């Protein structure tokens, strides 16, 4: 599970996502059709080593992780990301284009 804190103000959305154990190169971020998708791969090299050492119980997980978030009205060219100490911080500035459309009745 990617534990996430999401904040919003008039200008942007902010996401803080826990991704412990991942290297920056193993994280992929995509934004399309108002959906932000975060994917990551946690290597299983440590798991192979543990099998040789006769581990009785292992609670660490390995494999592919992915989660999507609905974040509408973002200026996708200005999205920024920083990964530090297992936390991915994303800033998604809102688009200057008005999302409200007035429909005139004829």
PDB file of N, CA and C in Angstrom:
ATOM      1  N   UNK A   1       0.847  -1.179   0.000  1.00  0.00           N
ATOM      2  CA  UNK A   1       0.000   0.000   0.000  1.00  0.00           C
ATOM      3  C   UNK A   1       0.885   1.232   0.000  1.00  0.00           C
ATOM      4  N   UNK A   2       0.563   2.172  -0.871  1.00  0.00           N
ATOM      5  CA  UNK A   2       1.269   3.450  -0.907  1.00  0.00           C
ATOM      6  C   UNK A   2       0.498   4.430  -0.039  1.00  0.00           C
ATOM      7  N   UNK A   3       0.935   4.586   1.189  1.00  0.00           N
ATOM      8  CA  UNK A   3       0.265   5.523   2.095  1.00  0.00           C
ATOM      9  C   UNK A   3       0.509   6.935   1.590  1.00  0.00           C
ATOM     10  N   UNK A   4      -0.576   7.717   1.514  1.00  0.00           N
ATOM     11  CA  UNK A   4      -0.510   9.011   0.854  1.00  0.00           C
ATOM     12  C   UNK A   4      -1.220  10.086   1.645  1.00  0.00           C
ATOM     13  N   UNK A   5      -0.608  11.279   1.692  1.00  0.00           N
ATOM     14  CA  UNK A   5      -1.257  12.487   2.195  1.00  0.00           C
ATOM     15  C   UNK A   5      -1.477  13.385   0.991  1.00  0.00           C
ATOM     16  N   UNK A   6      -2.708  13.875   0.824  1.00  0.00           N
ATOM     17  CA  UNK A   6      -3.032  14.767  -0.289  1.00  0.00           C
ATOM     18  C   UNK A   6      -3.518  16.087   0.275  1.00  0.00           C
ATOM     19  N   UNK A   7      -2.942  17.177  -0.223  1.00  0.00           N
ATOM     20  CA  UNK A   7      -3.364  18.511   0.192  1.00  0.00           C
ATOM     21  C   UNK A   7      -3.743  19.309  -1.054  1.00  0.00           C
ATOM     22  N   UNK A   8      -4.529  20.361  -0.839  1.00  0.00           N
ATOM     23  CA  UNK A   8      -4.953  21.200  -1.955  1.00  0.00           C
ATOM     24  C   UNK A   8      -5.123  22.627  -1.476  1.00  0.00           C
ATOM     25  N   UNK A   9      -4.697  23.564  -2.320  1.00  0.00           N
ATOM     26  CA  UNK A   9      -4.998  24.967  -2.089  1.00  0.00           C
ATOM     27  C   UNK A   9      -5.469  25.557  -3.418  1.00  0.00           C
ATOM     28  N   UNK A  10      -5.597  26.860  -3.503  1.00  0.00           N
ATOM     29  CA  UNK A  10      -6.110  27.487  -4.716  1.00  0.00           C
ATOM     30  C   UNK A  10      -5.211  27.295  -5.930  1.00  0.00           C
ATOM     31  N   UNK A  11      -3.924  27.076  -5.703  1.00  0.00           N
ATOM     32  CA  UNK A  11      -2.970  27.032  -6.810  1.00  0.00           C
ATOM     33  C   UNK A  11      -2.472  25.643  -7.184  1.00  0.00           C
ATOM     34  N   UNK A  12      -2.507  24.685  -6.219  1.00  0.00           N
ATOM     35  CA  UNK A  12      -1.898  23.388  -6.505  1.00  0.00           C
ATOM     36  C   UNK A  12      -2.403  22.285  -5.585  1.00  0.00           C
ATOM     37  N   UNK A  13      -2.102  21.057  -6.019  1.00  0.00           N
ATOM     38  CA  UNK A  13      -2.293  19.865  -5.196  1.00  0.00           C
ATOM     39  C   UNK A  13      -0.905  19.441  -4.718  1.00  0.00           C
ATOM     40  N   UNK A  14      -0.848  18.860  -3.545  1.00  0.00           N
ATOM     41  CA  UNK A  14       0.399  18.315  -3.033  1.00  0.00           C
ATOM     42  C   UNK A  14       0.173  16.886  -2.583  1.00  0.00           C
ATOM     43  N   UNK A  15       1.055  15.985  -2.969  1.00  0.00           N
ATOM     44  CA  UNK A  15       0.965  14.596  -2.553  1.00  0.00           C
ATOM     45  C   UNK A  15       2.275  14.184  -1.900  1.00  0.00           C
ATOM     46  N   UNK A  16       2.178  13.504  -0.763  1.00  0.00           N
ATOM     47  CA  UNK A  16       3.324  12.885  -0.094  1.00  0.00           C
ATOM     48  C   UNK A  16       3.015  11.398  -0.035  1.00  0.00           C
ATOM     49  N   UNK A  17       3.859  10.611  -0.683  1.00  0.00           N
ATOM     50  CA  UNK A  17       3.605   9.180  -0.822  1.00  0.00           C
ATOM     51  C   UNK A  17       4.768   8.399  -0.221  1.00  0.00           C
ATOM     52  N   UNK A  18       4.459   7.461   0.668  1.00  0.00           N
ATOM     53  CA  UNK A  18       5.490   6.610   1.269  1.00  0.00           C
ATOM     54  C   UNK A  18       5.879   5.505   0.288  1.00  0.00           C
ATOM     55  N   UNK A  19       7.158   5.459  -0.053  1.00  0.00           N
ATOM     56  CA  UNK A  19       7.697   4.417  -0.928  1.00  0.00           C
ATOM     57  C   UNK A  19       9.018   3.905  -0.353  1.00  0.00           C
ATOM     58  N   UNK A  20       8.987   3.351   0.851  1.00  0.00           N
ATOM     59  CA  UNK A  20      10.231   2.918   1.480  1.00  0.00           C
ATOM     60  C   UNK A  20      10.899   1.766   0.731  1.00  0.00           C
ATOM     61  N   UNK A  21      12.211   1.811   0.685  1.00  0.00           N
ATOM     62  CA  UNK A  21      12.964   0.715   0.080  1.00  0.00           C
ATOM     63  C   UNK A  21      13.157   0.826  -1.419  1.00  0.00           C
ATOM     64  N   UNK A  22      12.517   1.801  -2.062  1.00  0.00           N
ATOM     65  CA  UNK A  22      12.668   1.941  -3.510  1.00  0.00           C
ATOM     66  C   UNK A  22      13.807   2.900  -3.835  1.00  0.00           C
ATOM     67  N   UNK A  23      14.474   2.637  -4.946  1.00  0.00           N
ATOM     68  CA  UNK A  23      15.445   3.578  -5.497  1.00  0.00           C
ATOM     69  C   UNK A  23      14.689   4.527  -6.424  1.00  0.00           C
ATOM     70  N   UNK A  24      15.184   5.738  -6.543  1.00  0.00           N
ATOM     71  CA  UNK A  24      14.543   6.741  -7.401  1.00  0.00           C
ATOM     72  C   UNK A  24      14.373   6.221  -8.831  1.00  0.00           C
ATOM     73  N   UNK A  25      15.344   5.467  -9.320  1.00  0.00           N
ATOM     74  CA  UNK A  25      15.294   4.953 -10.692  1.00  0.00           C
ATOM     75  C   UNK A  25      14.193   3.902 -10.891  1.00  0.00           C
ATOM     76  N   UNK A  26      13.662   3.348  -9.804  1.00  0.00           N
ATOM     77  CA  UNK A  26      12.629   2.312  -9.891  1.00  0.00           C
ATOM     78  C   UNK A  26      11.212   2.867  -9.766  1.00  0.00           C
ATOM     79  N   UNK A  27      11.069   4.200  -9.732  1.00  0.00           N
ATOM     80  CA  UNK A  27       9.761   4.838  -9.596  1.00  0.00           C
ATOM     81  C   UNK A  27       9.382   5.483 -10.918  1.00  0.00           C
ATOM     82  N   UNK A  28       8.148   5.262 -11.351  1.00  0.00           N
ATOM     83  CA  UNK A  28       7.634   5.840 -12.593  1.00  0.00           C
ATOM     84  C   UNK A  28       6.392   6.659 -12.264  1.00  0.00           C
ATOM     85  N   UNK A  29       6.315   7.873 -12.821  1.00  0.00           N
ATOM     86  CA  UNK A  29       5.193   8.774 -12.584  1.00  0.00           C
ATOM     87  C   UNK A  29       4.582   9.147 -13.927  1.00  0.00           C
ATOM     88  N   UNK A  30       3.267   8.948 -14.074  1.00  0.00           N
ATOM     89  CA  UNK A  30       2.555   9.303 -15.293  1.00  0.00           C
ATOM     90  C   UNK A  30       1.313  10.115 -14.940  1.00  0.00           C
ATOM     91  N   UNK A  31       0.995  11.103 -15.793  1.00  0.00           N
ATOM     92  CA  UNK A  31      -0.235  11.873 -15.627  1.00  0.00           C
ATOM     93  C   UNK A  31      -0.939  11.920 -16.972  1.00  0.00           C
ATOM     94  N   UNK A  32      -2.184  11.429 -17.005  1.00  0.00           N
ATOM     95  CA  UNK A  32      -2.954  11.401 -18.238  1.00  0.00           C
ATOM     96  C   UNK A  32      -4.437  11.381 -17.907  1.00  0.00           C
ATOM     97  N   UNK A  33      -5.206  12.178 -18.627  1.00  0.00           N
ATOM     98  CA  UNK A  33      -6.667  12.214 -18.463  1.00  0.00           C
ATOM     99  C   UNK A  33      -7.088  12.417 -17.008  1.00  0.00           C
ATOM    100  N   UNK A  34      -6.466  13.373 -16.338  1.00  0.00           N
ATOM    101  CA  UNK A  34      -6.759  13.730 -14.946  1.00  0.00           C
ATOM    102  C   UNK A  34      -6.406  12.633 -13.942  1.00  0.00           C
ATOM    103  N   UNK A  35      -5.630  11.649 -14.353  1.00  0.00           N
ATOM    104  CA  UNK A  35      -5.213  10.571 -13.460  1.00  0.00           C
ATOM    105  C   UNK A  35      -3.691  10.554 -13.321  1.00  0.00           C
ATOM    106  N   UNK A  36      -3.247  10.557 -12.079  1.00  0.00           N
ATOM    107  CA  UNK A  36      -1.830  10.450 -11.754  1.00  0.00           C
ATOM    108  C   UNK A  36      -1.573   9.005 -11.341  1.00  0.00           C
ATOM    109  N   UNK A  37      -0.610   8.356 -11.985  1.00  0.00           N
ATOM    110  CA  UNK A  37      -0.282   6.967 -11.659  1.00  0.00           C
ATOM    111  C   UNK A  37       1.174   6.882 -11.221  1.00  0.00           C
ATOM    112  N   UNK A  38       1.365   6.281 -10.052  1.00  0.00           N
ATOM    113  CA  UNK A  38       2.697   6.062  -9.503  1.00  0.00           C
ATOM    114  C   UNK A  38       2.955   4.561  -9.516  1.00  0.00           C
ATOM    115  N   UNK A  39       4.073   4.151 -10.084  1.00  0.00           N
ATOM    116  CA  UNK A  39       4.445   2.740 -10.138  1.00  0.00           C
ATOM    117  C   UNK A  39       5.854   2.579  -9.597  1.00  0.00           C
ATOM    118  N   UNK A  40       6.103   1.445  -8.987  1.00  0.00           N
ATOM    119  CA  UNK A  40       7.433   1.168  -8.464  1.00  0.00           C
ATOM    120  C   UNK A  40       7.734  -0.309  -8.474  1.00  0.00           C
ATOM    121  N   UNK A  41       9.020  -0.629  -8.526  1.00  0.00           N
ATOM    122  CA  UNK A  41       9.469  -2.026  -8.505  1.00  0.00           C
ATOM    123  C   UNK A  41      10.451  -2.174  -7.364  1.00  0.00           C
ATOM    124  N   UNK A  42      10.125  -3.052  -6.424  1.00  0.00           N
ATOM    125  CA  UNK A  42      11.015  -3.348  -5.309  1.00  0.00           C
ATOM    126  C   UNK A  42      11.713  -4.662  -5.626  1.00  0.00           C
ATOM    127  N   UNK A  43      13.014  -4.616  -5.766  1.00  0.00           N
ATOM    128  CA  UNK A  43      13.817  -5.756  -6.179  1.00  0.00           C
ATOM    129  C   UNK A  43      13.706  -6.918  -5.202  1.00  0.00           C
ATOM    130  N   UNK A  44      13.812  -8.121  -5.743  1.00  0.00           N
ATOM    131  CA  UNK A  44      13.718  -9.322  -4.895  1.00  0.00           C
ATOM    132  C   UNK A  44      15.089  -9.918  -4.597  1.00  0.00           C
ATOM    133  N   UNK A  45      16.164  -9.175  -4.823  1.00  0.00           N
ATOM    134  CA  UNK A  45      17.506  -9.707  -4.560  1.00  0.00           C
ATOM    135  C   UNK A  45      17.691 -10.099  -3.100  1.00  0.00           C
ATOM    136  N   UNK A  46      17.164  -9.319  -2.189  1.00  0.00           N
ATOM    137  CA  UNK A  46      17.289  -9.622  -0.765  1.00  0.00           C
ATOM    138  C   UNK A  46      16.525 -10.897  -0.420  1.00  0.00           C
ATOM    139  N   UNK A  47      15.395 -11.118  -1.088  1.00  0.00           N
ATOM    140  CA  UNK A  47      14.592 -12.315  -0.827  1.00  0.00           C
ATOM    141  C   UNK A  47      15.382 -13.571  -1.200  1.00  0.00           C
ATOM    142  N   UNK A  48      16.099 -13.555  -2.321  1.00  0.00           N
ATOM    143  CA  UNK A  48      16.897 -14.708  -2.731  1.00  0.00           C
ATOM    144  C   UNK A  48      17.983 -15.007  -1.704  1.00  0.00           C
ATOM    145  N   UNK A  49      18.609 -13.983  -1.172  1.00  0.00           N
ATOM    146  CA  UNK A  49      19.648 -14.166  -0.171  1.00  0.00           C
ATOM    147  C   UNK A  49      19.053 -14.769   1.106  1.00  0.00           C
ATOM    148  N   UNK A  50      17.863 -14.313   1.503  1.00  0.00           N
ATOM    149  CA  UNK A  50      17.226 -14.831   2.707  1.00  0.00           C
ATOM    150  C   UNK A  50      16.911 -16.323   2.586  1.00  0.00           C
ATOM    151  N   UNK A  51      16.521 -16.773   1.408  1.00  0.00           N
ATOM    152  CA  UNK A  51      16.193 -18.188   1.228  1.00  0.00           C
ATOM    153  C   UNK A  51      17.419 -19.072   1.504  1.00  0.00           C
ATOM    154  N   UNK A  52      18.575 -18.605   1.146  1.00  0.00           N
ATOM    155  CA  UNK A  52      19.803 -19.367   1.373  1.00  0.00           C
ATOM    156  C   UNK A  52      20.174 -19.397   2.850  1.00  0.00           C
ATOM    157  N   UNK A  53      19.734 -18.403   3.614  1.00  0.00           N
ATOM    158  CA  UNK A  53      20.080 -18.312   5.028  1.00  0.00           C
ATOM    159  C   UNK A  53      19.038 -18.938   5.950  1.00  0.00           C
ATOM    160  N   UNK A  54      18.108 -19.705   5.411  1.00  0.00           N
ATOM    161  CA  UNK A  54      17.097 -20.415   6.184  1.00  0.00           C
ATOM    162  C   UNK A  54      16.267 -19.497   7.089  1.00  0.00           C
ATOM    163  N   UNK A  55      15.739 -18.447   6.537  1.00  0.00           N
ATOM    164  CA  UNK A  55      14.885 -17.524   7.283  1.00  0.00           C
ATOM    165  C   UNK A  55      13.580 -18.237   7.631  1.00  0.00           C
ATOM    166  N   UNK A  56      13.166 -18.143   8.884  1.00  0.00           N
ATOM    167  CA  UNK A  56      11.941 -18.788   9.340  1.00  0.00           C
ATOM    168  C   UNK A  56      10.716 -17.989   8.917  1.00  0.00           C
ATOM    169  N   UNK A  57      10.798 -16.672   8.974  1.00  0.00           N
ATOM    170  CA  UNK A  57       9.675 -15.811   8.604  1.00  0.00           C
ATOM    171  C   UNK A  57      10.212 -14.521   8.008  1.00  0.00           C
ATOM    172  N   UNK A  58       9.613 -14.094   6.896  1.00  0.00           N
ATOM    173  CA  UNK A  58       9.987 -12.823   6.269  1.00  0.00           C
ATOM    174  C   UNK A  58       8.716 -12.045   5.964  1.00  0.00           C
ATOM    175  N   UNK A  59       8.619 -10.827   6.477  1.00  0.00           N
ATOM    176  CA  UNK A  59       7.430  -9.998   6.277  1.00  0.00           C
ATOM    177  C   UNK A  59       7.663  -8.888   5.263  1.00  0.00           C
ATOM    178  N   UNK A  60       8.829  -8.865   4.667  1.00  0.00           N
ATOM    179  CA  UNK A  60       9.113  -7.853   3.657  1.00  0.00           C
ATOM    180  C   UNK A  60       8.495  -8.273   2.339  1.00  0.00           C
ATOM    181  N   UNK A  61       8.024  -7.281   1.580  1.00  0.00           N
ATOM    182  CA  UNK A  61       7.385  -7.570   0.301  1.00  0.00           C
ATOM    183  C   UNK A  61       8.251  -7.075  -0.845  1.00  0.00           C
ATOM    184  N   UNK A  62       8.146  -7.776  -1.966  1.00  0.00           N
ATOM    185  CA  UNK A  62       8.887  -7.430  -3.165  1.00  0.00           C
ATOM    186  C   UNK A  62       7.952  -7.524  -4.348  1.00  0.00           C
ATOM    187  N   UNK A  63       8.268  -6.811  -5.405  1.00  0.00           N
ATOM    188  CA  UNK A  63       7.464  -6.899  -6.613  1.00  0.00           C
ATOM    189  C   UNK A  63       7.085  -5.530  -7.147  1.00  0.00           C
ATOM    190  N   UNK A  64       6.024  -5.514  -7.950  1.00  0.00           N
ATOM    191  CA  UNK A  64       5.544  -4.300  -8.591  1.00  0.00           C
ATOM    192  C   UNK A  64       4.434  -3.665  -7.777  1.00  0.00           C
ATOM    193  N   UNK A  65       4.480  -2.342  -7.673  1.00  0.00           N
ATOM    194  CA  UNK A  65       3.465  -1.584  -6.955  1.00  0.00           C
ATOM    195  C   UNK A  65       2.923  -0.522  -7.898  1.00  0.00           C
ATOM    196  N   UNK A  66       1.632  -0.228  -7.786  1.00  0.00           N
ATOM    197  CA  UNK A  66       1.044   0.812  -8.606  1.00  0.00           C
ATOM    198  C   UNK A  66      -0.199   1.353  -7.914  1.00  0.00           C
ATOM    199  N   UNK A  67      -0.391   2.671  -8.036  1.00  0.00           N
ATOM    200  CA  UNK A  67      -1.591   3.301  -7.492  1.00  0.00           C
ATOM    201  C   UNK A  67      -1.924   4.518  -8.341  1.00  0.00           C
ATOM    202  N   UNK A  68      -3.223   4.742  -8.565  1.00  0.00           N
ATOM    203  CA  UNK A  68      -3.679   5.886  -9.347  1.00  0.00           C
ATOM    204  C   UNK A  68      -4.501   6.815  -8.477  1.00  0.00           C
ATOM    205  N   UNK A  69      -4.411   8.110  -8.783  1.00  0.00           N
ATOM    206  CA  UNK A  69      -5.127   9.150  -8.057  1.00  0.00           C
ATOM    207  C   UNK A  69      -5.849  10.034  -9.078  1.00  0.00           C
ATOM    208  N   UNK A  70      -7.097  10.373  -8.819  1.00  0.00           N
ATOM    209  CA  UNK A  70      -7.832  11.299  -9.671  1.00  0.00           C
ATOM    210  C   UNK A  70      -7.512  12.712  -9.210  1.00  0.00           C
ATOM    211  N   UNK A  71      -6.833  13.473 -10.062  1.00  0.00           N
ATOM    212  CA  UNK A  71      -6.410  14.832  -9.737  1.00  0.00           C
ATOM    213  C   UNK A  71      -6.755  15.711 -10.953  1.00  0.00           C
ATOM    214  N   UNK A  72      -7.942  16.322 -10.974  1.00  0.00           N
ATOM    215  CA  UNK A  72      -8.397  17.057 -12.158  1.00  0.00           C
ATOM    216  C   UNK A  72      -7.795  18.456 -12.286  1.00  0.00           C
ATOM    217  N   UNK A  73      -7.751  18.947 -13.531  1.00  0.00           N
ATOM    218  CA  UNK A  73      -7.371  20.328 -13.807  1.00  0.00           C
ATOM    219  C   UNK A  73      -5.938  20.687 -13.516  1.00  0.00           C
ATOM    220  N   UNK A  74      -5.007  19.787 -13.789  1.00  0.00           N
ATOM    221  CA  UNK A  74      -3.590  20.023 -13.496  1.00  0.00           C
ATOM    222  C   UNK A  74      -2.862  20.469 -14.756  1.00  0.00           C
ATOM    223  N   UNK A  75      -1.947  21.414 -14.600  1.00  0.00           N
ATOM    224  CA  UNK A  75      -1.060  21.820 -15.693  1.00  0.00           C
ATOM    225  C   UNK A  75       0.074  20.797 -15.720  1.00  0.00           C
ATOM    226  N   UNK A  76      -0.073  19.783 -16.549  1.00  0.00           N
ATOM    227  CA  UNK A  76       0.849  18.650 -16.523  1.00  0.00           C
ATOM    228  C   UNK A  76       2.287  19.015 -16.893  1.00  0.00           C
ATOM    229  N   UNK A  77       2.502  20.132 -17.560  1.00  0.00           N
ATOM    230  CA  UNK A  77       3.861  20.553 -17.913  1.00  0.00           C
ATOM    231  C   UNK A  77       4.616  21.142 -16.731  1.00  0.00           C
ATOM    232  N   UNK A  78       3.927  21.422 -15.635  1.00  0.00           N
ATOM    233  CA  UNK A  78       4.564  22.041 -14.474  1.00  0.00           C
ATOM    234  C   UNK A  78       4.626  21.123 -13.252  1.00  0.00           C
ATOM    235  N   UNK A  79       4.292  19.846 -13.408  1.00  0.00           N
ATOM    236  CA  UNK A  79       4.350  18.903 -12.293  1.00  0.00           C
ATOM    237  C   UNK A  79       5.807  18.705 -11.882  1.00  0.00           C
ATOM    238  N   UNK A  80       6.053  18.718 -10.569  1.00  0.00           N
ATOM    239  CA  UNK A  80       7.411  18.475 -10.076  1.00  0.00           C
ATOM    240  C   UNK A  80       7.385  17.369  -9.023  1.00  0.00           C
ATOM    241  N   UNK A  81       8.508  16.658  -8.920  1.00  0.00           N
ATOM    242  CA  UNK A  81       8.603  15.538  -7.982  1.00  0.00           C
ATOM    243  C   UNK A  81       9.978  15.524  -7.332  1.00  0.00           C
ATOM    244  N   UNK A  82       9.986  15.112  -6.058  1.00  0.00           N
ATOM    245  CA  UNK A  82      11.239  14.974  -5.316  1.00  0.00           C
ATOM    246  C   UNK A  82      11.115  13.715  -4.458  1.00  0.00           C
ATOM    247  N   UNK A  83      12.154  12.883  -4.459  1.00  0.00           N
ATOM    248  CA  UNK A  83      12.149  11.649  -3.673  1.00  0.00           C
ATOM    249  C   UNK A  83      13.311  11.699  -2.689  1.00  0.00           C
ATOM    250  N   UNK A  84      12.973  11.590  -1.396  1.00  0.00           N
ATOM    251  CA  UNK A  84      13.995  11.674  -0.360  1.00  0.00           C
ATOM    252  C   UNK A  84      13.555  10.880   0.857  1.00  0.00           C
ATOM    253  N   UNK A  85      14.454  10.050   1.391  1.00  0.00           N
ATOM    254  CA  UNK A  85      14.201   9.256   2.600  1.00  0.00           C
ATOM    255  C   UNK A  85      12.909   8.436   2.523  1.00  0.00           C
ATOM    256  N   UNK A  86      12.638   7.845   1.352  1.00  0.00           N
ATOM    257  CA  UNK A  86      11.477   6.981   1.195  1.00  0.00           C
ATOM    258  C   UNK A  86      10.159   7.704   1.000  1.00  0.00           C
ATOM    259  N   UNK A  87      10.189   9.026   0.840  1.00  0.00           N
ATOM    260  CA  UNK A  87       8.970   9.816   0.644  1.00  0.00           C
ATOM    261  C   UNK A  87       9.038  10.507  -0.718  1.00  0.00           C
ATOM    262  N   UNK A  88       8.013  10.289  -1.544  1.00  0.00           N
ATOM    263  CA  UNK A  88       7.885  10.969  -2.824  1.00  0.00           C
ATOM    264  C   UNK A  88       6.975  12.176  -2.631  1.00  0.00           C
ATOM    265  N   UNK A  89       7.501  13.371  -2.876  1.00  0.00           N
ATOM    266  CA  UNK A  89       6.732  14.611  -2.771  1.00  0.00           C
ATOM    267  C   UNK A  89       6.422  15.116  -4.173  1.00  0.00           C
ATOM    268  N   UNK A  90       5.145  15.278  -4.474  1.00  0.00           N
ATOM    269  CA  UNK A  90       4.721  15.763  -5.774  1.00  0.00           C
ATOM    270  C   UNK A  90       3.974  17.076  -5.622  1.00  0.00           C
ATOM    271  N   UNK A  91       4.236  18.003  -6.526  1.00  0.00           N
ATOM    272  CA  UNK A  91       3.500  19.250  -6.602  1.00  0.00           C
ATOM    273  C   UNK A  91       2.847  19.295  -7.969  1.00  0.00           C
ATOM    274  N   UNK A  92       1.513  19.444  -7.982  1.00  0.00           N
ATOM    275  CA  UNK A  92       0.759  19.464  -9.225  1.00  0.00           C
ATOM    276  C   UNK A  92       0.026  20.801  -9.328  1.00  0.00           C
ATOM    277  N   UNK A  93       0.623  21.791 -10.007  1.00  0.00           N
ATOM    278  CA  UNK A  93      -0.019  23.096 -10.141  1.00  0.00           C
ATOM    279  C   UNK A  93      -1.323  22.977 -10.934  1.00  0.00           C
ATOM    280  N   UNK A  94      -2.318  23.708 -10.494  1.00  0.00           N
ATOM    281  CA  UNK A  94      -3.594  23.711 -11.196  1.00  0.00           C
ATOM    282  C   UNK A  94      -3.474  24.511 -12.485  1.00  0.00           C
ATOM    283  N   UNK A  95      -4.228  24.107 -13.474  1.00  0.00           N
ATOM    284  CA  UNK A  95      -4.236  24.779 -14.760  1.00  0.00           C
ATOM    285  C   UNK A  95      -4.886  26.146 -14.627  1.00  0.00           C
ATOM    286  N   UNK A  96      -4.366  27.112 -15.386  1.00  0.00           N
ATOM    287  CA  UNK A  96      -4.945  28.452 -15.388  1.00  0.00           C
ATOM    288  C   UNK A  96      -6.276  28.493 -16.123  1.00  0.00           C
ATOM    289  N   UNK A  97      -6.517  27.500 -16.956  1.00  0.00           N
ATOM    290  CA  UNK A  97      -7.771  27.462 -17.704  1.00  0.00           C
ATOM    291  C   UNK A  97      -8.932  27.203 -16.756  1.00  0.00           C
ATOM    292  N   UNK A  98      -9.967  27.944 -16.943  1.00  0.00           N
ATOM    293  CA  UNK A  98     -11.156  27.777 -16.112  1.00  0.00           C
ATOM    294  C   UNK A  98     -11.824  26.451 -16.439  1.00  0.00           C
ATOM    295  N   UNK A  99     -12.151  25.704 -15.420  1.00  0.00           N
ATOM    296  CA  UNK A  99     -12.813  24.422 -15.611  1.00  0.00           C
ATOM    297  C   UNK A  99     -14.337  24.559 -15.606  1.00  0.00           C
ATOM    298  N   UNK A 100     -14.828  25.781 -15.363  1.00  0.00           N
ATOM    299  CA  UNK A 100     -16.258  26.020 -15.318  1.00  0.00           C
ATOM    300  C   UNK A 100     -16.711  26.555 -16.668  1.00  0.00           C
ATOM    301  N   UNK A 101     -17.728  25.938 -17.219  1.00  0.00           N
ATOM    302  CA  UNK A 101     -18.253  26.365 -18.498  1.00  0.00           C
ATOM    303  C   UNK A 101     -19.705  26.789 -18.318  1.00  0.00           C
ATOM    304  N   UNK A 102     -19.993  28.020 -18.738  1.00  0.00           N
ATOM    305  CA  UNK A 102     -21.366  28.517 -18.672  1.00  0.00           C
ATOM    306  C   UNK A 102     -22.082  28.129 -19.950  1.00  0.00           C
ATOM    307  N   UNK A 103     -23.208  27.508 -19.803  1.00  0.00           N
ATOM    308  CA  UNK A 103     -23.993  27.092 -20.959  1.00  0.00           C
ATOM    309  C   UNK A 103     -25.245  27.959 -21.021  1.00  0.00           C
ATOM    310  N   UNK A 104     -25.354  28.658 -22.131  1.00  0.00           N
ATOM    311  CA  UNK A 104     -26.494  29.554 -22.309  1.00  0.00           C
ATOM    312  C   UNK A 104     -27.674  28.744 -22.843  1.00  0.00           C
ATOM    313  N   UNK A 105     -28.842  28.993 -22.263  1.00  0.00           N
ATOM    314  CA  UNK A 105     -30.067  28.323 -22.690  1.00  0.00           C
ATOM    315  C   UNK A 105     -30.670  29.108 -23.839  1.00  0.00           C
ATOM    316  N   UNK A 106     -31.007  28.437 -24.923  1.00  0.00           N
ATOM    317  CA  UNK A 106     -31.598  29.117 -26.078  1.00  0.00           C
ATOM    318  C   UNK A 106     -33.100  28.974 -26.101  1.00  0.00           C
TER     319      UNK A 106
END
